[in-house]
C-alpha atoms as a PDB file:
ATOM      1  CA  UNK A   1      -6.466   4.907   3.807  1.00  0.00           C
ATOM      2  CA  UNK A   2      -6.829   1.150   3.968  1.00  0.00           C
ATOM      3  CA  UNK A   3     -10.340   0.055   3.042  1.00  0.00           C
ATOM      4  CA  UNK A   4     -12.469  -1.176   5.925  1.00  0.00           C
ATOM      5  CA  UNK A   5     -14.133  -3.683   3.564  1.00  0.00           C
ATOM      6  CA  UNK A   6     -10.941  -5.331   2.299  1.00  0.00           C
ATOM      7  CA  UNK A   7      -7.368  -4.643   3.389  1.00  0.00           C
ATOM      8  CA  UNK A   8      -6.131  -5.130  -0.175  1.00  0.00           C
ATOM      9  CA  UNK A   9      -7.725  -1.842  -1.278  1.00  0.00           C
ATOM     10  CA  UNK A  10      -6.192   1.595  -0.796  1.00  0.00           C
ATOM     11  CA  UNK A  11      -8.633   4.521  -0.886  1.00  0.00           C
ATOM     12  CA  UNK A  12      -7.631   8.090  -1.655  1.00  0.00           C
ATOM     13  CA  UNK A  13      -9.812  10.134   0.702  1.00  0.00           C
ATOM     14  CA  UNK A  14      -8.375  13.469  -0.354  1.00  0.00           C
ATOM     15  CA  UNK A  15      -5.607  14.732  -2.544  1.00  0.00           C
ATOM     16  CA  UNK A  16      -2.981  12.001  -2.103  1.00  0.00           C
ATOM     17  CA  UNK A  17      -0.414  11.689  -4.853  1.00  0.00           C
ATOM     18  CA  UNK A  18       0.833   8.409  -6.294  1.00  0.00           C
ATOM     19  CA  UNK A  19       3.968   8.673  -4.125  1.00  0.00           C
ATOM     20  CA  UNK A  20       1.736   8.878  -1.033  1.00  0.00           C
ATOM     21  CA  UNK A  21      -0.119   5.713  -2.026  1.00  0.00           C
ATOM     22  CA  UNK A  22       3.139   3.870  -2.732  1.00  0.00           C
ATOM     23  CA  UNK A  23       4.499   4.985   0.638  1.00  0.00           C
ATOM     24  CA  UNK A  24       1.374   3.625   2.365  1.00  0.00           C
ATOM     25  CA  UNK A  25       1.679   0.311   0.515  1.00  0.00           C
ATOM     26  CA  UNK A  26       5.303  -0.090   1.626  1.00  0.00           C
ATOM     27  CA  UNK A  27       4.423   0.880   5.191  1.00  0.00           C
ATOM     28  CA  UNK A  28       1.686  -1.775   5.247  1.00  0.00           C
ATOM     29  CA  UNK A  29       4.052  -4.411   3.846  1.00  0.00           C
ATOM     30  CA  UNK A  30       6.703  -3.632   6.482  1.00  0.00           C
ATOM     31  CA  UNK A  31       4.212  -3.665   9.364  1.00  0.00           C
ATOM     32  CA  UNK A  32       2.657  -6.961   8.262  1.00  0.00           C
ATOM     33  CA  UNK A  33       6.093  -8.545   7.980  1.00  0.00           C
ATOM     34  CA  UNK A  34       7.187  -7.171  11.338  1.00  0.00           C
ATOM     35  CA  UNK A  35       4.128  -8.436  13.210  1.00  0.00           C
ATOM     36  CA  UNK A  36       3.452 -11.708  11.370  1.00  0.00           C
ATOM     37  CA  UNK A  37       6.564 -12.704   9.432  1.00  0.00           C
ATOM     38  CA  UNK A  38       4.439 -12.774   6.264  1.00  0.00           C
ATOM     39  CA  UNK A  39       5.951 -11.049   3.242  1.00  0.00           C
ATOM     40  CA  UNK A  40       3.226  -9.444   1.129  1.00  0.00           C
ATOM     41  CA  UNK A  41       3.734  -9.267  -2.620  1.00  0.00           C
ATOM     42  CA  UNK A  42       2.271  -6.387  -4.613  1.00  0.00           C
ATOM     43  CA  UNK A  43      -0.207  -7.421  -7.277  1.00  0.00           C
ATOM     44  CA  UNK A  44       0.532  -4.293  -9.300  1.00  0.00           C
ATOM     45  CA  UNK A  45       3.495  -3.185 -11.354  1.00  0.00           C
ATOM     46  CA  UNK A  46       4.643   0.404 -10.773  1.00  0.00           C
ATOM     47  CA  UNK A  47       5.983   2.267 -13.790  1.00  0.00           C
ATOM     48  CA  UNK A  48       7.890   5.473 -13.062  1.00  0.00           C
ATOM     49  CA  UNK A  49       7.390   7.900 -15.944  1.00  0.00           C
ATOM     50  CA  UNK A  50       9.130  10.990 -14.608  1.00  0.00           C
END
């Protein structure tokens, strides 16, 4: 979920996997861009170690 204290924090309230968190981040970025025209930039680097 998105933190109620700060929208820049994602909270795992259950058993979400990393792919679930990444999906949520991308969904947030797309929605923000769609509604505001602002393109959010991730402050993290994702390393895929499959």
